[in-house]
Amino acid sequence: MEKKIKVLVVDDQTMLANEIAAVLNTDGALEVVGTASDGFEALEKIPLTHPDVVLLDIRMPNMNGVVATSHIKTRYPDVKVLILTTFDDSDYILNAINNGASGYLLKDMGGGALIDAIKNAYEGDTILPSKIARRITDAAKHVAADREIKLMRTFTLSEREIEVALMMYEGFTNRQISSALNLSEGTTRNYVSSIYVKTGCDSRAEAIEAIKSALN
């Protein structure tokens, strides 16, 4: 007999959690192993029910879905987390994905689509409806633009120096920066030296700290 995908449904609206569970149990490949009303209860039930996938509401009392996702992925890295919500807010989307969520679903999706999403997440896919993906792209562009403006205003860096500075901040070596930006290593070293001068620093570590302070 083929192994069923075990699902834990987490939503502070008990009736909705039970309705979702009933829909999922109509598919022979899925087995709902429990429900929980918030992140704390979910963390208590995971070691008892051993779910493969946690279907998690993002806005709940006590511990919301973003925080719960972080805790779940830290303690149980093999468990897939799917965020389920009526809110398509870009901040929540980015935070949930950054904390290790396998996808983001809207509650108004049909039962068949929800079942397919759980199966796909279990197989390792990232689940993002098209309008959610657009929100992430727009938010990421906004974050990138905001970081560039901060560095330009703080240190009067050029566009290329900003690119190099951000890659330094992200932990890239000069060789990796050269490869990514299609520069010679000598040119990259020159940009790094210029960044040292403009940030008033004598070392890479000091420059990264200065960049970090400017971005925060």
N, C-alpha and C. Protein backbone atom coordinates (compact mmCIF):
# COMPACT_ATOMS: atom_id res chain seq x y z
N MET A 1 0.85 -1.20 0.00
CA MET A 1 0.00 0.00 0.00
C MET A 1 0.89 1.25 0.00
N GLU A 2 0.58 2.19 -0.88
CA GLU A 2 1.38 3.40 -0.98
C GLU A 2 1.20 4.27 0.25
N LYS A 3 2.33 4.84 0.72
CA LYS A 3 2.30 5.68 1.92
C LYS A 3 1.44 6.92 1.68
N LYS A 4 0.57 7.22 2.63
CA LYS A 4 -0.24 8.42 2.54
C LYS A 4 0.55 9.63 3.01
N ILE A 5 0.23 10.78 2.45
CA ILE A 5 0.85 12.03 2.88
C ILE A 5 0.10 12.53 4.11
N LYS A 6 0.80 12.60 5.24
CA LYS A 6 0.16 13.02 6.48
C LYS A 6 0.14 14.54 6.58
N VAL A 7 -1.03 15.09 6.90
CA VAL A 7 -1.21 16.55 6.92
C VAL A 7 -1.74 17.00 8.29
N LEU A 8 -1.13 18.05 8.82
CA LEU A 8 -1.63 18.71 10.03
C LEU A 8 -2.20 20.06 9.60
N VAL A 9 -3.47 20.32 9.95
CA VAL A 9 -4.15 21.56 9.56
C VAL A 9 -4.17 22.50 10.76
N VAL A 10 -3.65 23.72 10.57
CA VAL A 10 -3.54 24.67 11.68
C VAL A 10 -4.29 25.95 11.32
N ASP A 11 -5.37 26.23 12.06
CA ASP A 11 -6.17 27.43 11.82
C ASP A 11 -6.93 27.76 13.10
N ASP A 12 -6.96 29.03 13.50
CA ASP A 12 -7.64 29.39 14.74
C ASP A 12 -9.16 29.31 14.62
N GLN A 13 -9.67 29.22 13.39
CA GLN A 13 -11.10 29.01 13.19
C GLN A 13 -11.37 27.50 13.10
N THR A 14 -11.82 26.95 14.21
CA THR A 14 -11.97 25.50 14.33
C THR A 14 -12.87 24.91 13.24
N MET A 15 -13.96 25.58 12.96
CA MET A 15 -14.89 25.07 11.95
C MET A 15 -14.22 25.00 10.58
N LEU A 16 -13.46 26.05 10.24
CA LEU A 16 -12.77 26.07 8.95
C LEU A 16 -11.71 24.98 8.89
N ALA A 17 -10.98 24.80 10.00
CA ALA A 17 -9.95 23.75 10.04
C ALA A 17 -10.58 22.38 9.80
N ASN A 18 -11.74 22.15 10.40
CA ASN A 18 -12.43 20.87 10.23
C ASN A 18 -12.95 20.70 8.80
N GLU A 19 -13.41 21.81 8.20
CA GLU A 19 -13.89 21.75 6.81
C GLU A 19 -12.73 21.41 5.87
N ILE A 20 -11.59 22.04 6.09
CA ILE A 20 -10.41 21.77 5.26
C ILE A 20 -10.00 20.31 5.42
N ALA A 21 -9.99 19.84 6.66
CA ALA A 21 -9.62 18.45 6.93
C ALA A 21 -10.54 17.49 6.20
N ALA A 22 -11.84 17.79 6.20
CA ALA A 22 -12.81 16.92 5.54
C ALA A 22 -12.55 16.88 4.03
N VAL A 23 -12.22 18.03 3.44
CA VAL A 23 -11.92 18.08 2.01
C VAL A 23 -10.68 17.25 1.70
N LEU A 24 -9.64 17.40 2.50
CA LEU A 24 -8.39 16.69 2.24
C LEU A 24 -8.56 15.18 2.39
N ASN A 25 -9.38 14.77 3.32
CA ASN A 25 -9.59 13.34 3.56
C ASN A 25 -10.40 12.66 2.46
N THR A 26 -10.94 13.45 1.52
CA THR A 26 -11.65 12.83 0.39
C THR A 26 -10.67 12.24 -0.61
N ASP A 27 -9.40 12.61 -0.51
CA ASP A 27 -8.38 12.09 -1.42
C ASP A 27 -7.64 10.94 -0.75
N GLY A 28 -7.60 9.82 -1.40
CA GLY A 28 -7.00 8.62 -0.82
C GLY A 28 -5.51 8.71 -0.56
N ALA A 29 -4.85 9.70 -1.19
CA ALA A 29 -3.41 9.83 -1.01
C ALA A 29 -3.05 10.66 0.21
N LEU A 30 -4.07 11.32 0.82
CA LEU A 30 -3.82 12.19 1.97
C LEU A 30 -4.47 11.63 3.23
N GLU A 31 -3.85 11.97 4.36
CA GLU A 31 -4.43 11.60 5.65
C GLU A 31 -4.21 12.77 6.62
N VAL A 32 -5.31 13.39 7.06
CA VAL A 32 -5.20 14.46 8.05
C VAL A 32 -4.99 13.82 9.41
N VAL A 33 -3.83 14.11 10.02
CA VAL A 33 -3.47 13.45 11.28
C VAL A 33 -3.82 14.30 12.49
N GLY A 34 -4.36 15.51 12.25
CA GLY A 34 -4.77 16.35 13.37
C GLY A 34 -5.02 17.78 12.94
N THR A 35 -5.59 18.55 13.87
CA THR A 35 -5.78 19.99 13.66
C THR A 35 -5.23 20.71 14.89
N ALA A 36 -4.88 21.97 14.71
CA ALA A 36 -4.38 22.80 15.80
C ALA A 36 -4.91 24.22 15.59
N SER A 37 -4.98 25.00 16.68
CA SER A 37 -5.59 26.32 16.60
C SER A 37 -4.57 27.46 16.56
N ASP A 38 -3.29 27.17 16.81
CA ASP A 38 -2.26 28.21 16.69
C ASP A 38 -0.89 27.55 16.58
N GLY A 39 0.14 28.38 16.44
CA GLY A 39 1.49 27.85 16.25
C GLY A 39 1.99 27.03 17.42
N PHE A 40 1.66 27.45 18.64
CA PHE A 40 2.11 26.71 19.82
C PHE A 40 1.55 25.29 19.83
N GLU A 41 0.24 25.19 19.55
CA GLU A 41 -0.39 23.86 19.54
C GLU A 41 0.16 23.01 18.39
N ALA A 42 0.45 23.65 17.27
CA ALA A 42 1.03 22.92 16.14
C ALA A 42 2.38 22.32 16.53
N LEU A 43 3.22 23.09 17.20
CA LEU A 43 4.54 22.61 17.61
C LEU A 43 4.42 21.46 18.62
N GLU A 44 3.37 21.49 19.44
CA GLU A 44 3.14 20.39 20.39
C GLU A 44 2.68 19.12 19.67
N LYS A 45 1.90 19.30 18.60
CA LYS A 45 1.30 18.13 17.93
C LYS A 45 2.23 17.47 16.89
N ILE A 46 3.16 18.23 16.35
CA ILE A 46 4.03 17.67 15.31
C ILE A 46 4.77 16.41 15.77
N PRO A 47 5.43 16.42 16.95
CA PRO A 47 6.13 15.20 17.36
C PRO A 47 5.19 14.04 17.70
N LEU A 48 3.92 14.33 17.89
CA LEU A 48 2.94 13.29 18.22
C LEU A 48 2.28 12.71 16.96
N THR A 49 2.11 13.55 15.94
CA THR A 49 1.37 13.13 14.75
C THR A 49 2.28 12.87 13.54
N HIS A 50 3.52 13.37 13.57
CA HIS A 50 4.51 13.16 12.50
C HIS A 50 3.97 13.51 11.11
N PRO A 51 3.51 14.75 10.93
CA PRO A 51 2.99 15.12 9.60
C PRO A 51 4.12 15.27 8.58
N ASP A 52 3.78 15.06 7.32
CA ASP A 52 4.70 15.35 6.22
C ASP A 52 4.54 16.81 5.78
N VAL A 53 3.31 17.30 5.87
CA VAL A 53 2.98 18.66 5.45
C VAL A 53 2.13 19.32 6.53
N VAL A 54 2.49 20.57 6.87
CA VAL A 54 1.66 21.37 7.78
C VAL A 54 1.00 22.47 6.97
N LEU A 55 -0.31 22.50 7.00
CA LEU A 55 -1.09 23.54 6.32
C LEU A 55 -1.40 24.60 7.37
N LEU A 56 -0.86 25.79 7.21
CA LEU A 56 -0.76 26.74 8.31
C LEU A 56 -1.38 28.08 7.96
N ASP A 57 -2.39 28.49 8.76
CA ASP A 57 -2.96 29.82 8.59
C ASP A 57 -1.92 30.85 9.00
N ILE A 58 -1.87 31.99 8.32
CA ILE A 58 -0.80 32.94 8.61
C ILE A 58 -1.15 33.92 9.74
N ARG A 59 -2.44 34.20 9.91
CA ARG A 59 -2.83 35.14 10.97
C ARG A 59 -3.59 34.40 12.06
N MET A 60 -2.89 34.16 13.17
CA MET A 60 -3.49 33.44 14.30
C MET A 60 -3.04 34.11 15.59
N PRO A 61 -3.81 33.97 16.68
CA PRO A 61 -3.39 34.52 17.96
C PRO A 61 -2.22 33.70 18.53
N ASN A 62 -1.55 34.25 19.52
CA ASN A 62 -0.47 33.59 20.28
C ASN A 62 0.82 33.42 19.46
N MET A 63 0.75 32.72 18.34
CA MET A 63 1.91 32.58 17.46
C MET A 63 1.41 32.52 16.02
N ASN A 64 1.74 33.54 15.22
CA ASN A 64 1.23 33.57 13.86
C ASN A 64 1.98 32.60 12.95
N GLY A 65 1.52 32.52 11.72
CA GLY A 65 2.07 31.53 10.79
C GLY A 65 3.51 31.77 10.40
N VAL A 66 3.93 33.03 10.31
CA VAL A 66 5.31 33.33 9.94
C VAL A 66 6.27 32.84 11.01
N VAL A 67 5.97 33.17 12.27
CA VAL A 67 6.82 32.73 13.39
C VAL A 67 6.78 31.21 13.52
N ALA A 68 5.58 30.65 13.40
CA ALA A 68 5.44 29.19 13.51
C ALA A 68 6.24 28.48 12.43
N THR A 69 6.23 29.02 11.21
CA THR A 69 7.01 28.42 10.12
C THR A 69 8.48 28.35 10.49
N SER A 70 9.01 29.43 11.03
CA SER A 70 10.42 29.47 11.42
C SER A 70 10.73 28.40 12.45
N HIS A 71 9.88 28.27 13.47
CA HIS A 71 10.10 27.26 14.52
C HIS A 71 9.98 25.84 13.96
N ILE A 72 8.98 25.62 13.12
CA ILE A 72 8.78 24.28 12.55
C ILE A 72 9.98 23.87 11.71
N LYS A 73 10.44 24.76 10.83
CA LYS A 73 11.55 24.42 9.94
C LYS A 73 12.87 24.27 10.70
N THR A 74 13.01 24.96 11.82
CA THR A 74 14.22 24.81 12.64
C THR A 74 14.22 23.46 13.35
N ARG A 75 13.07 23.09 13.91
CA ARG A 75 12.99 21.83 14.67
C ARG A 75 12.77 20.61 13.78
N TYR A 76 12.01 20.80 12.72
CA TYR A 76 11.64 19.66 11.86
C TYR A 76 11.88 20.05 10.40
N PRO A 77 13.13 20.13 9.98
CA PRO A 77 13.44 20.64 8.63
C PRO A 77 12.84 19.85 7.48
N ASP A 78 12.51 18.58 7.71
CA ASP A 78 11.94 17.77 6.63
C ASP A 78 10.44 17.98 6.44
N VAL A 79 9.80 18.63 7.41
CA VAL A 79 8.36 18.88 7.31
C VAL A 79 8.12 20.05 6.35
N LYS A 80 7.23 19.85 5.40
CA LYS A 80 6.87 20.91 4.46
C LYS A 80 5.79 21.80 5.09
N VAL A 81 5.93 23.10 4.92
CA VAL A 81 4.94 24.04 5.45
C VAL A 81 4.30 24.80 4.30
N LEU A 82 2.98 24.75 4.24
CA LEU A 82 2.22 25.53 3.26
C LEU A 82 1.41 26.58 4.00
N ILE A 83 1.56 27.82 3.60
CA ILE A 83 0.84 28.92 4.23
C ILE A 83 -0.52 29.10 3.56
N LEU A 84 -1.56 29.14 4.40
CA LEU A 84 -2.93 29.27 3.89
C LEU A 84 -3.55 30.53 4.48
N THR A 85 -4.05 31.43 3.63
CA THR A 85 -4.58 32.68 4.16
C THR A 85 -5.53 33.35 3.18
N THR A 86 -6.27 34.31 3.67
CA THR A 86 -7.09 35.16 2.81
C THR A 86 -6.33 36.42 2.45
N PHE A 87 -5.17 36.61 3.04
CA PHE A 87 -4.40 37.84 2.84
C PHE A 87 -3.25 37.60 1.87
N ASP A 88 -3.17 38.44 0.82
CA ASP A 88 -2.05 38.33 -0.12
C ASP A 88 -1.10 39.50 0.09
N ASP A 89 -0.75 39.74 1.35
CA ASP A 89 0.14 40.84 1.73
C ASP A 89 1.58 40.47 1.44
N SER A 90 2.31 41.34 0.73
CA SER A 90 3.66 41.01 0.28
C SER A 90 4.63 40.80 1.43
N ASP A 91 4.49 41.55 2.53
CA ASP A 91 5.40 41.37 3.67
C ASP A 91 5.25 39.97 4.24
N TYR A 92 4.01 39.53 4.42
CA TYR A 92 3.78 38.19 4.94
C TYR A 92 4.32 37.13 3.98
N ILE A 93 4.11 37.37 2.69
CA ILE A 93 4.58 36.42 1.69
C ILE A 93 6.09 36.25 1.79
N LEU A 94 6.81 37.36 1.75
CA LEU A 94 8.27 37.30 1.79
C LEU A 94 8.77 36.67 3.07
N ASN A 95 8.19 37.06 4.20
CA ASN A 95 8.63 36.52 5.49
C ASN A 95 8.39 35.03 5.58
N ALA A 96 7.22 34.57 5.12
CA ALA A 96 6.91 33.15 5.19
C ALA A 96 7.87 32.34 4.32
N ILE A 97 8.10 32.80 3.10
CA ILE A 97 9.00 32.09 2.19
C ILE A 97 10.43 32.10 2.74
N ASN A 98 10.86 33.26 3.25
CA ASN A 98 12.22 33.36 3.80
C ASN A 98 12.40 32.46 5.01
N ASN A 99 11.34 32.19 5.74
CA ASN A 99 11.42 31.31 6.91
C ASN A 99 11.32 29.83 6.55
N GLY A 100 11.23 29.52 5.27
CA GLY A 100 11.28 28.13 4.85
C GLY A 100 9.98 27.53 4.38
N ALA A 101 8.93 28.34 4.22
CA ALA A 101 7.66 27.80 3.74
C ALA A 101 7.81 27.28 2.31
N SER A 102 7.09 26.20 2.01
CA SER A 102 7.14 25.60 0.68
C SER A 102 6.17 26.26 -0.28
N GLY A 103 5.32 27.13 0.23
CA GLY A 103 4.37 27.77 -0.66
C GLY A 103 3.37 28.61 0.10
N TYR A 104 2.57 29.28 -0.66
CA TYR A 104 1.62 30.25 -0.12
C TYR A 104 0.32 30.11 -0.89
N LEU A 105 -0.75 29.80 -0.19
CA LEU A 105 -2.03 29.53 -0.85
C LEU A 105 -3.11 30.45 -0.31
N LEU A 106 -4.07 30.79 -1.17
CA LEU A 106 -5.20 31.60 -0.74
C LEU A 106 -6.39 30.70 -0.41
N LYS A 107 -7.12 31.07 0.65
CA LYS A 107 -8.19 30.22 1.14
C LYS A 107 -9.35 30.06 0.17
N ASP A 108 -9.42 30.95 -0.83
CA ASP A 108 -10.54 30.84 -1.76
C ASP A 108 -10.27 29.86 -2.90
N MET A 109 -9.12 29.16 -2.85
CA MET A 109 -8.85 28.18 -3.90
C MET A 109 -9.72 26.95 -3.72
N GLY A 110 -10.00 26.25 -4.78
CA GLY A 110 -10.86 25.08 -4.72
C GLY A 110 -10.21 23.90 -4.03
N GLY A 111 -11.03 22.94 -3.61
CA GLY A 111 -10.52 21.78 -2.91
C GLY A 111 -9.53 20.97 -3.72
N GLY A 112 -9.81 20.80 -5.01
CA GLY A 112 -8.92 20.04 -5.88
C GLY A 112 -7.56 20.68 -6.00
N ALA A 113 -7.55 22.03 -6.15
CA ALA A 113 -6.29 22.76 -6.26
C ALA A 113 -5.50 22.66 -4.96
N LEU A 114 -6.21 22.70 -3.83
CA LEU A 114 -5.55 22.59 -2.53
C LEU A 114 -4.89 21.22 -2.36
N ILE A 115 -5.60 20.18 -2.75
CA ILE A 115 -5.07 18.82 -2.67
C ILE A 115 -3.84 18.67 -3.56
N ASP A 116 -3.93 19.20 -4.77
CA ASP A 116 -2.78 19.14 -5.69
C ASP A 116 -1.58 19.89 -5.12
N ALA A 117 -1.84 21.05 -4.50
CA ALA A 117 -0.76 21.86 -3.94
C ALA A 117 -0.03 21.10 -2.84
N ILE A 118 -0.78 20.40 -2.00
CA ILE A 118 -0.17 19.62 -0.92
C ILE A 118 0.68 18.50 -1.48
N LYS A 119 0.18 17.81 -2.49
CA LYS A 119 0.96 16.73 -3.12
C LYS A 119 2.24 17.27 -3.75
N ASN A 120 2.13 18.41 -4.43
CA ASN A 120 3.29 19.00 -5.09
C ASN A 120 4.32 19.50 -4.08
N ALA A 121 3.84 20.09 -2.99
CA ALA A 121 4.76 20.55 -1.94
C ALA A 121 5.49 19.38 -1.32
N TYR A 122 4.77 18.29 -1.11
CA TYR A 122 5.38 17.08 -0.56
C TYR A 122 6.50 16.56 -1.45
N GLU A 123 6.32 16.73 -2.76
CA GLU A 123 7.33 16.29 -3.73
C GLU A 123 8.50 17.28 -3.86
N GLY A 124 8.37 18.42 -3.19
CA GLY A 124 9.48 19.37 -3.19
C GLY A 124 9.27 20.64 -3.98
N ASP A 125 8.08 20.81 -4.57
CA ASP A 125 7.82 22.01 -5.35
C ASP A 125 7.52 23.21 -4.44
N THR A 126 7.79 24.40 -4.95
CA THR A 126 7.37 25.63 -4.28
C THR A 126 6.06 26.07 -4.90
N ILE A 127 5.05 26.29 -4.06
CA ILE A 127 3.71 26.56 -4.55
C ILE A 127 3.42 28.06 -4.43
N LEU A 128 3.30 28.72 -5.57
CA LEU A 128 3.00 30.15 -5.58
C LEU A 128 2.01 30.46 -6.70
N PRO A 129 0.76 30.77 -6.36
CA PRO A 129 -0.19 31.21 -7.40
C PRO A 129 0.37 32.43 -8.11
N SER A 130 -0.04 32.65 -9.35
CA SER A 130 0.56 33.69 -10.18
C SER A 130 0.49 35.07 -9.54
N LYS A 131 -0.63 35.41 -8.91
CA LYS A 131 -0.71 36.77 -8.35
C LYS A 131 0.16 36.90 -7.11
N ILE A 132 0.38 35.78 -6.41
CA ILE A 132 1.31 35.79 -5.27
C ILE A 132 2.73 35.98 -5.79
N ALA A 133 3.08 35.29 -6.86
CA ALA A 133 4.41 35.42 -7.44
C ALA A 133 4.67 36.86 -7.88
N ARG A 134 3.66 37.50 -8.45
CA ARG A 134 3.82 38.90 -8.86
C ARG A 134 4.06 39.79 -7.65
N ARG A 135 3.37 39.52 -6.55
CA ARG A 135 3.56 40.31 -5.34
C ARG A 135 5.00 40.16 -4.82
N ILE A 136 5.52 38.94 -4.85
CA ILE A 136 6.88 38.70 -4.38
C ILE A 136 7.88 39.45 -5.26
N THR A 137 7.70 39.38 -6.56
CA THR A 137 8.60 40.07 -7.48
C THR A 137 8.58 41.57 -7.23
N ASP A 138 7.39 42.13 -7.08
CA ASP A 138 7.27 43.57 -6.84
C ASP A 138 7.90 43.97 -5.52
N ALA A 139 7.67 43.15 -4.47
CA ALA A 139 8.23 43.45 -3.16
C ALA A 139 9.74 43.35 -3.17
N ALA A 140 10.26 42.34 -3.86
CA ALA A 140 11.72 42.17 -3.94
C ALA A 140 12.37 43.35 -4.66
N LYS A 141 11.72 43.83 -5.73
CA LYS A 141 12.24 44.99 -6.44
C LYS A 141 12.25 46.22 -5.53
N HIS A 142 11.19 46.35 -4.74
CA HIS A 142 11.10 47.49 -3.83
C HIS A 142 12.21 47.43 -2.78
N VAL A 143 12.44 46.23 -2.22
CA VAL A 143 13.50 46.06 -1.22
C VAL A 143 14.85 46.39 -1.82
N ALA A 144 15.12 45.87 -3.04
CA ALA A 144 16.40 46.12 -3.70
C ALA A 144 16.60 47.61 -3.94
N ALA A 145 15.57 48.29 -4.44
CA ALA A 145 15.66 49.72 -4.70
C ALA A 145 15.90 50.50 -3.43
N ASP A 146 15.25 50.10 -2.35
CA ASP A 146 15.41 50.77 -1.07
C ASP A 146 16.84 50.63 -0.56
N ARG A 147 17.42 49.45 -0.70
CA ARG A 147 18.81 49.24 -0.26
C ARG A 147 19.77 50.08 -1.07
N GLU A 148 19.55 50.15 -2.38
CA GLU A 148 20.43 50.93 -3.24
C GLU A 148 20.38 52.41 -2.88
N ILE A 149 19.18 52.93 -2.61
CA ILE A 149 19.02 54.33 -2.25
C ILE A 149 19.75 54.63 -0.93
N LYS A 150 19.63 53.72 0.04
CA LYS A 150 20.30 53.93 1.33
C LYS A 150 21.81 54.00 1.18
N LEU A 151 22.37 53.10 0.37
CA LEU A 151 23.82 53.10 0.18
C LEU A 151 24.28 54.33 -0.60
N MET A 152 23.48 54.74 -1.58
CA MET A 152 23.86 55.91 -2.38
C MET A 152 23.85 57.17 -1.52
N ARG A 153 22.81 57.29 -0.67
CA ARG A 153 22.70 58.48 0.17
C ARG A 153 23.76 58.50 1.26
N THR A 154 24.07 57.34 1.82
CA THR A 154 25.01 57.28 2.94
C THR A 154 26.46 57.45 2.51
N PHE A 155 26.83 56.79 1.41
CA PHE A 155 28.25 56.76 1.02
C PHE A 155 28.53 57.35 -0.37
N THR A 156 27.50 57.85 -1.04
CA THR A 156 27.63 58.35 -2.42
C THR A 156 28.35 57.35 -3.33
N LEU A 157 27.94 56.09 -3.25
CA LEU A 157 28.51 55.05 -4.11
C LEU A 157 27.92 55.14 -5.51
N SER A 158 28.70 54.72 -6.50
CA SER A 158 28.20 54.62 -7.87
C SER A 158 27.31 53.38 -7.98
N GLU A 159 26.60 53.25 -9.10
CA GLU A 159 25.72 52.09 -9.29
C GLU A 159 26.50 50.79 -9.21
N ARG A 160 27.67 50.74 -9.87
CA ARG A 160 28.48 49.51 -9.85
C ARG A 160 29.04 49.25 -8.45
N GLU A 161 29.44 50.30 -7.75
CA GLU A 161 29.94 50.14 -6.39
C GLU A 161 28.84 49.60 -5.47
N ILE A 162 27.61 50.04 -5.70
CA ILE A 162 26.48 49.54 -4.91
C ILE A 162 26.30 48.04 -5.15
N GLU A 163 26.38 47.62 -6.41
CA GLU A 163 26.27 46.18 -6.72
C GLU A 163 27.35 45.38 -6.00
N VAL A 164 28.58 45.88 -6.04
CA VAL A 164 29.70 45.19 -5.39
C VAL A 164 29.51 45.20 -3.87
N ALA A 165 29.10 46.34 -3.33
CA ALA A 165 28.91 46.47 -1.88
C ALA A 165 27.84 45.50 -1.37
N LEU A 166 26.75 45.39 -2.10
CA LEU A 166 25.67 44.48 -1.68
C LEU A 166 26.13 43.03 -1.74
N MET A 167 26.94 42.69 -2.74
CA MET A 167 27.45 41.32 -2.84
C MET A 167 28.47 41.04 -1.72
N MET A 168 29.29 42.05 -1.37
CA MET A 168 30.18 41.90 -0.22
C MET A 168 29.36 41.63 1.04
N TYR A 169 28.31 42.41 1.20
CA TYR A 169 27.43 42.27 2.37
C TYR A 169 26.80 40.88 2.44
N GLU A 170 26.49 40.31 1.26
CA GLU A 170 25.87 38.98 1.21
C GLU A 170 26.90 37.86 1.37
N GLY A 171 28.18 38.22 1.48
CA GLY A 171 29.21 37.21 1.75
C GLY A 171 29.96 36.68 0.55
N PHE A 172 29.80 37.32 -0.61
CA PHE A 172 30.51 36.87 -1.81
C PHE A 172 31.98 37.27 -1.76
N THR A 173 32.84 36.41 -2.29
CA THR A 173 34.26 36.73 -2.42
C THR A 173 34.48 37.60 -3.65
N ASN A 174 35.68 38.19 -3.75
CA ASN A 174 35.99 38.99 -4.94
C ASN A 174 35.87 38.17 -6.22
N ARG A 175 36.35 36.93 -6.17
CA ARG A 175 36.27 36.08 -7.36
C ARG A 175 34.82 35.82 -7.76
N GLN A 176 33.95 35.56 -6.76
CA GLN A 176 32.53 35.33 -7.05
C GLN A 176 31.86 36.59 -7.59
N ILE A 177 32.24 37.74 -7.04
CA ILE A 177 31.69 39.01 -7.52
C ILE A 177 32.12 39.24 -8.97
N SER A 178 33.39 38.98 -9.25
CA SER A 178 33.91 39.16 -10.61
C SER A 178 33.15 38.30 -11.60
N SER A 179 32.92 37.05 -11.24
CA SER A 179 32.21 36.12 -12.12
C SER A 179 30.77 36.57 -12.34
N ALA A 180 30.09 36.96 -11.25
CA ALA A 180 28.68 37.33 -11.35
C ALA A 180 28.47 38.61 -12.15
N LEU A 181 29.40 39.58 -12.00
CA LEU A 181 29.24 40.87 -12.66
C LEU A 181 30.05 40.98 -13.95
N ASN A 182 30.70 39.87 -14.32
CA ASN A 182 31.50 39.83 -15.55
C ASN A 182 32.61 40.90 -15.53
N LEU A 183 33.33 40.94 -14.41
CA LEU A 183 34.43 41.87 -14.24
C LEU A 183 35.73 41.09 -14.07
N SER A 184 36.87 41.73 -14.37
CA SER A 184 38.15 41.11 -14.04
C SER A 184 38.34 41.23 -12.53
N GLU A 185 39.16 40.35 -11.95
CA GLU A 185 39.38 40.42 -10.51
C GLU A 185 40.08 41.72 -10.12
N GLY A 186 40.93 42.23 -11.01
CA GLY A 186 41.59 43.50 -10.74
C GLY A 186 40.59 44.65 -10.65
N THR A 187 39.61 44.66 -11.55
CA THR A 187 38.57 45.69 -11.54
C THR A 187 37.73 45.59 -10.27
N THR A 188 37.40 44.36 -9.88
CA THR A 188 36.63 44.16 -8.65
C THR A 188 37.40 44.67 -7.45
N ARG A 189 38.72 44.38 -7.40
CA ARG A 189 39.55 44.87 -6.28
C ARG A 189 39.54 46.39 -6.23
N ASN A 190 39.54 47.02 -7.41
CA ASN A 190 39.50 48.49 -7.46
C ASN A 190 38.18 49.02 -6.89
N TYR A 191 37.08 48.36 -7.24
CA TYR A 191 35.78 48.77 -6.69
C TYR A 191 35.74 48.58 -5.18
N VAL A 192 36.28 47.47 -4.70
CA VAL A 192 36.31 47.20 -3.26
C VAL A 192 37.14 48.26 -2.55
N SER A 193 38.30 48.62 -3.13
CA SER A 193 39.15 49.65 -2.53
C SER A 193 38.41 50.99 -2.47
N SER A 194 37.68 51.30 -3.53
CA SER A 194 36.90 52.55 -3.56
C SER A 194 35.82 52.53 -2.48
N ILE A 195 35.21 51.37 -2.27
CA ILE A 195 34.18 51.23 -1.23
C ILE A 195 34.80 51.45 0.15
N TYR A 196 36.03 50.93 0.36
CA TYR A 196 36.73 51.16 1.63
C TYR A 196 36.88 52.66 1.88
N VAL A 197 37.32 53.37 0.85
CA VAL A 197 37.56 54.82 0.98
C VAL A 197 36.26 55.55 1.31
N LYS A 198 35.20 55.23 0.55
CA LYS A 198 33.93 55.96 0.71
C LYS A 198 33.22 55.63 2.02
N THR A 199 33.47 54.42 2.55
CA THR A 199 32.85 54.05 3.83
C THR A 199 33.75 54.40 5.00
N GLY A 200 34.98 54.85 4.71
CA GLY A 200 35.92 55.21 5.77
C GLY A 200 36.44 54.02 6.53
N CYS A 201 36.60 52.88 5.82
CA CYS A 201 37.01 51.64 6.46
C CYS A 201 38.37 51.16 5.95
N ASP A 202 39.04 50.34 6.75
CA ASP A 202 40.36 49.82 6.38
C ASP A 202 40.35 48.34 6.05
N SER A 203 39.21 47.66 6.24
CA SER A 203 39.17 46.22 5.99
C SER A 203 37.80 45.83 5.47
N ARG A 204 37.75 44.64 4.92
CA ARG A 204 36.47 44.12 4.39
C ARG A 204 35.45 43.98 5.51
N ALA A 205 35.88 43.45 6.65
CA ALA A 205 34.95 43.26 7.77
C ALA A 205 34.36 44.58 8.22
N GLU A 206 35.20 45.62 8.31
CA GLU A 206 34.71 46.94 8.72
C GLU A 206 33.74 47.50 7.68
N ALA A 207 34.07 47.31 6.41
CA ALA A 207 33.20 47.83 5.34
C ALA A 207 31.85 47.14 5.36
N ILE A 208 31.85 45.83 5.58
CA ILE A 208 30.58 45.09 5.64
C ILE A 208 29.74 45.58 6.81
N GLU A 209 30.38 45.85 7.95
CA GLU A 209 29.65 46.37 9.10
C GLU A 209 29.06 47.75 8.79
N ALA A 210 29.82 48.57 8.08
CA ALA A 210 29.33 49.91 7.71
C ALA A 210 28.14 49.80 6.76
N ILE A 211 28.25 48.88 5.81
CA ILE A 211 27.14 48.65 4.86
C ILE A 211 25.91 48.16 5.62
N LYS A 212 26.14 47.22 6.54
CA LYS A 212 25.03 46.68 7.34
C LYS A 212 24.32 47.78 8.12
N SER A 213 25.10 48.67 8.74
CA SER A 213 24.52 49.76 9.52
C SER A 213 23.70 50.70 8.63
N ALA A 214 24.20 50.94 7.42
CA ALA A 214 23.47 51.83 6.51
C ALA A 214 22.15 51.22 6.05
N LEU A 215 22.12 49.89 5.93
CA LEU A 215 20.91 49.22 5.42
C LEU A 215 19.86 49.04 6.50
N ASN A 216 20.28 49.04 7.76
CA ASN A 216 19.33 48.80 8.86
C ASN A 216 18.75 50.09 9.41
